[in-house]
N, C-alpha and C. Protein backbone atom coordinates (compact mmCIF):
# COMPACT_ATOMS: atom_id res chain seq x y z
N MET A 1 -149.20 -118.06 -98.09
CA MET A 1 -148.54 -116.77 -98.08
C MET A 1 -148.24 -116.39 -96.63
N LEU A 2 -147.02 -115.98 -96.38
CA LEU A 2 -146.60 -115.55 -95.04
C LEU A 2 -146.48 -114.03 -95.03
N ILE A 3 -147.21 -113.39 -94.09
CA ILE A 3 -147.22 -111.93 -93.99
C ILE A 3 -146.71 -111.52 -92.62
N ASP A 4 -145.71 -110.64 -92.60
CA ASP A 4 -145.24 -110.04 -91.35
C ASP A 4 -146.09 -108.79 -91.16
N CYS A 5 -146.91 -108.78 -90.12
CA CYS A 5 -147.90 -107.71 -89.97
C CYS A 5 -147.44 -106.55 -89.09
N HIS A 6 -146.16 -106.52 -88.70
CA HIS A 6 -145.69 -105.42 -87.85
C HIS A 6 -144.20 -105.18 -88.09
N VAL A 7 -143.91 -104.29 -89.05
CA VAL A 7 -142.54 -103.98 -89.43
C VAL A 7 -142.33 -102.47 -89.34
N HIS A 8 -141.15 -102.05 -88.90
CA HIS A 8 -140.78 -100.63 -88.89
C HIS A 8 -139.50 -100.46 -89.69
N LEU A 9 -139.33 -99.27 -90.27
CA LEU A 9 -138.08 -98.93 -90.95
C LEU A 9 -137.29 -97.92 -90.14
N ASN A 10 -137.65 -97.78 -88.87
CA ASN A 10 -136.97 -96.83 -87.97
C ASN A 10 -135.61 -97.36 -87.55
N ASN A 11 -134.78 -96.47 -87.06
CA ASN A 11 -133.51 -96.84 -86.44
C ASN A 11 -133.70 -96.82 -84.93
N TYR A 12 -133.51 -97.96 -84.28
CA TYR A 12 -133.68 -98.04 -82.83
C TYR A 12 -132.35 -98.15 -82.10
N ALA A 13 -131.35 -98.75 -82.74
CA ALA A 13 -130.06 -98.92 -82.08
C ALA A 13 -129.35 -97.57 -82.00
N GLU A 14 -128.82 -97.28 -80.85
CA GLU A 14 -128.12 -96.01 -80.67
C GLU A 14 -126.94 -95.93 -81.63
N GLY A 15 -126.88 -94.86 -82.39
CA GLY A 15 -125.76 -94.64 -83.29
C GLY A 15 -125.84 -95.35 -84.63
N SER A 16 -126.92 -96.11 -84.89
CA SER A 16 -126.98 -96.82 -86.17
C SER A 16 -127.17 -95.83 -87.32
N GLY A 17 -128.16 -94.97 -87.22
CA GLY A 17 -128.38 -93.92 -88.20
C GLY A 17 -128.39 -94.37 -89.65
N ARG A 18 -128.82 -95.59 -89.91
CA ARG A 18 -128.82 -96.13 -91.26
C ARG A 18 -129.90 -95.41 -92.09
N PRO A 19 -129.60 -95.01 -93.32
CA PRO A 19 -130.60 -94.35 -94.17
C PRO A 19 -131.79 -95.28 -94.45
N THR A 20 -132.94 -94.71 -94.70
CA THR A 20 -134.15 -95.49 -94.93
C THR A 20 -133.97 -96.48 -96.08
N HIS A 21 -133.34 -96.07 -97.18
CA HIS A 21 -133.18 -96.99 -98.31
C HIS A 21 -132.36 -98.22 -97.92
N GLU A 22 -131.40 -98.06 -97.00
CA GLU A 22 -130.64 -99.23 -96.52
C GLU A 22 -131.51 -100.12 -95.65
N ASN A 23 -132.39 -99.52 -94.86
CA ASN A 23 -133.32 -100.31 -94.05
C ASN A 23 -134.27 -101.10 -94.95
N VAL A 24 -134.67 -100.52 -96.07
CA VAL A 24 -135.54 -101.22 -97.02
C VAL A 24 -134.81 -102.41 -97.64
N VAL A 25 -133.58 -102.21 -98.05
CA VAL A 25 -132.77 -103.31 -98.61
C VAL A 25 -132.65 -104.43 -97.58
N HIS A 26 -132.36 -104.06 -96.34
CA HIS A 26 -132.24 -105.05 -95.25
C HIS A 26 -133.57 -105.77 -95.03
N LEU A 27 -134.68 -105.03 -95.05
CA LEU A 27 -136.00 -105.64 -94.86
C LEU A 27 -136.25 -106.72 -95.91
N PHE A 28 -136.09 -106.39 -97.19
CA PHE A 28 -136.40 -107.35 -98.24
C PHE A 28 -135.42 -108.52 -98.25
N LYS A 29 -134.18 -108.29 -97.90
CA LYS A 29 -133.21 -109.39 -97.78
C LYS A 29 -133.62 -110.34 -96.66
N THR A 30 -134.00 -109.78 -95.52
CA THR A 30 -134.43 -110.60 -94.38
C THR A 30 -135.72 -111.35 -94.70
N MET A 31 -136.64 -110.69 -95.39
CA MET A 31 -137.88 -111.36 -95.80
C MET A 31 -137.56 -112.58 -96.66
N GLU A 32 -136.67 -112.42 -97.62
CA GLU A 32 -136.30 -113.53 -98.50
C GLU A 32 -135.65 -114.66 -97.72
N GLU A 33 -134.78 -114.32 -96.77
CA GLU A 33 -134.10 -115.34 -95.97
C GLU A 33 -135.08 -116.17 -95.14
N HIS A 34 -136.20 -115.58 -94.74
CA HIS A 34 -137.14 -116.25 -93.84
C HIS A 34 -138.45 -116.63 -94.51
N GLY A 35 -138.52 -116.49 -95.81
CA GLY A 35 -139.71 -116.91 -96.54
C GLY A 35 -140.94 -116.05 -96.31
N VAL A 36 -140.74 -114.78 -96.00
CA VAL A 36 -141.86 -113.86 -95.79
C VAL A 36 -142.23 -113.26 -97.15
N ASP A 37 -143.52 -113.34 -97.48
CA ASP A 37 -143.98 -112.87 -98.79
C ASP A 37 -144.39 -111.40 -98.81
N HIS A 38 -144.84 -110.90 -97.68
CA HIS A 38 -145.36 -109.53 -97.64
C HIS A 38 -145.12 -108.94 -96.26
N ALA A 39 -144.89 -107.62 -96.22
CA ALA A 39 -144.67 -106.93 -94.95
C ALA A 39 -145.62 -105.75 -94.83
N VAL A 40 -146.22 -105.60 -93.65
CA VAL A 40 -147.03 -104.43 -93.33
C VAL A 40 -146.12 -103.50 -92.54
N VAL A 41 -145.74 -102.39 -93.16
CA VAL A 41 -144.78 -101.45 -92.57
C VAL A 41 -145.55 -100.34 -91.86
N LEU A 42 -145.29 -100.19 -90.57
CA LEU A 42 -145.94 -99.16 -89.76
C LEU A 42 -145.00 -97.98 -89.62
N THR A 43 -145.50 -96.78 -89.92
CA THR A 43 -144.68 -95.59 -89.74
C THR A 43 -144.90 -95.04 -88.33
N SER A 44 -144.03 -94.17 -87.93
CA SER A 44 -144.11 -93.56 -86.60
C SER A 44 -144.96 -92.30 -86.66
N TYR A 45 -145.61 -91.99 -85.55
CA TYR A 45 -146.34 -90.72 -85.46
C TYR A 45 -145.36 -89.56 -85.32
N LYS A 46 -144.13 -89.89 -84.98
CA LYS A 46 -143.07 -88.90 -84.78
C LYS A 46 -142.08 -89.00 -85.94
N THR A 47 -141.62 -87.87 -86.45
CA THR A 47 -140.65 -87.85 -87.54
C THR A 47 -139.38 -87.17 -87.08
N ASN A 48 -138.25 -87.88 -87.25
CA ASN A 48 -136.95 -87.29 -86.94
C ASN A 48 -135.88 -88.05 -87.73
N VAL A 49 -134.63 -87.84 -87.41
CA VAL A 49 -133.54 -88.46 -88.17
C VAL A 49 -133.61 -89.99 -88.15
N ASP A 50 -134.17 -90.58 -87.10
CA ASP A 50 -134.25 -92.04 -86.99
C ASP A 50 -135.63 -92.60 -87.33
N ARG A 51 -136.60 -91.72 -87.54
CA ARG A 51 -137.97 -92.14 -87.84
C ARG A 51 -138.44 -91.42 -89.10
N PRO A 52 -138.39 -92.10 -90.24
CA PRO A 52 -138.74 -91.44 -91.50
C PRO A 52 -140.23 -91.09 -91.57
N SER A 53 -140.53 -90.05 -92.32
CA SER A 53 -141.92 -89.64 -92.52
C SER A 53 -142.65 -90.68 -93.36
N VAL A 54 -143.97 -90.64 -93.31
CA VAL A 54 -144.75 -91.56 -94.12
C VAL A 54 -144.46 -91.34 -95.61
N GLU A 55 -144.24 -90.09 -96.01
CA GLU A 55 -143.92 -89.81 -97.41
C GLU A 55 -142.60 -90.47 -97.82
N GLU A 56 -141.61 -90.40 -96.94
CA GLU A 56 -140.32 -91.03 -97.24
C GLU A 56 -140.45 -92.55 -97.33
N VAL A 57 -141.23 -93.13 -96.43
CA VAL A 57 -141.43 -94.58 -96.44
C VAL A 57 -142.17 -95.00 -97.72
N LEU A 58 -143.23 -94.27 -98.07
CA LEU A 58 -143.97 -94.59 -99.29
C LEU A 58 -143.07 -94.52 -100.52
N GLU A 59 -142.24 -93.50 -100.58
CA GLU A 59 -141.32 -93.34 -101.71
C GLU A 59 -140.31 -94.49 -101.75
N ALA A 60 -139.78 -94.86 -100.59
CA ALA A 60 -138.77 -95.92 -100.52
C ALA A 60 -139.33 -97.29 -100.91
N LEU A 61 -140.63 -97.50 -100.67
CA LEU A 61 -141.24 -98.80 -100.93
C LEU A 61 -142.05 -98.84 -102.23
N ALA A 62 -142.16 -97.73 -102.93
CA ALA A 62 -143.05 -97.63 -104.09
C ALA A 62 -142.75 -98.63 -105.20
N ALA A 63 -141.51 -98.98 -105.38
CA ALA A 63 -141.12 -99.84 -106.50
C ALA A 63 -141.33 -101.33 -106.24
N ASP A 64 -141.72 -101.70 -105.03
CA ASP A 64 -141.82 -103.12 -104.69
C ASP A 64 -143.21 -103.45 -104.13
N PRO A 65 -143.93 -104.37 -104.74
CA PRO A 65 -145.29 -104.69 -104.31
C PRO A 65 -145.38 -105.59 -103.06
N ARG A 66 -144.24 -105.93 -102.47
CA ARG A 66 -144.26 -106.84 -101.32
C ARG A 66 -144.52 -106.14 -99.99
N SER A 67 -145.02 -104.92 -100.03
CA SER A 67 -145.26 -104.21 -98.77
C SER A 67 -146.52 -103.37 -98.84
N THR A 68 -147.08 -103.14 -97.65
CA THR A 68 -148.21 -102.25 -97.45
C THR A 68 -147.80 -101.31 -96.33
N VAL A 69 -148.16 -100.03 -96.43
CA VAL A 69 -147.78 -99.05 -95.42
C VAL A 69 -149.01 -98.62 -94.64
N VAL A 70 -148.86 -98.58 -93.30
CA VAL A 70 -149.89 -98.06 -92.40
C VAL A 70 -149.28 -96.87 -91.68
N GLU A 71 -149.94 -95.72 -91.78
CA GLU A 71 -149.41 -94.50 -91.17
C GLU A 71 -149.72 -94.44 -89.69
N GLY A 72 -148.70 -94.15 -88.88
CA GLY A 72 -148.89 -93.92 -87.45
C GLY A 72 -149.44 -92.52 -87.24
N LEU A 73 -150.46 -92.41 -86.42
CA LEU A 73 -151.10 -91.11 -86.17
C LEU A 73 -150.89 -90.67 -84.74
N GLN A 74 -150.80 -89.38 -84.55
CA GLN A 74 -150.69 -88.80 -83.21
C GLN A 74 -151.96 -88.00 -82.96
N TRP A 75 -152.59 -88.25 -81.80
CA TRP A 75 -153.77 -87.47 -81.44
C TRP A 75 -153.36 -86.02 -81.27
N ARG A 76 -154.15 -85.12 -81.82
CA ARG A 76 -153.83 -83.70 -81.79
C ARG A 76 -154.56 -82.96 -80.66
N SER A 77 -155.38 -83.66 -79.92
CA SER A 77 -156.08 -83.04 -78.79
C SER A 77 -156.39 -84.12 -77.76
N ASP A 78 -156.99 -83.71 -76.65
CA ASP A 78 -157.36 -84.67 -75.62
C ASP A 78 -158.59 -85.47 -76.00
N GLN A 79 -159.37 -84.99 -76.95
CA GLN A 79 -160.57 -85.69 -77.39
C GLN A 79 -160.21 -86.76 -78.40
N ARG A 80 -160.87 -87.90 -78.29
CA ARG A 80 -160.62 -89.00 -79.23
C ARG A 80 -161.89 -89.39 -79.93
């Protein structure tokens, strides 16, 4: 089994603005092309038009068992 352990559904290219569901379609198509069986999708600690929330990512991936989601966290204070 081949697992990609670091995947994002964010938009990084300037002006791409592709919707999350299109990024999911692209992810699974690319996985199939390269023989990847499972993807660990990391969400961003920041949410904006190019960085979907963890809830949006979970919803977009809910129907397909080939992924696991890890939520990105932001420290809320100087203490860790």
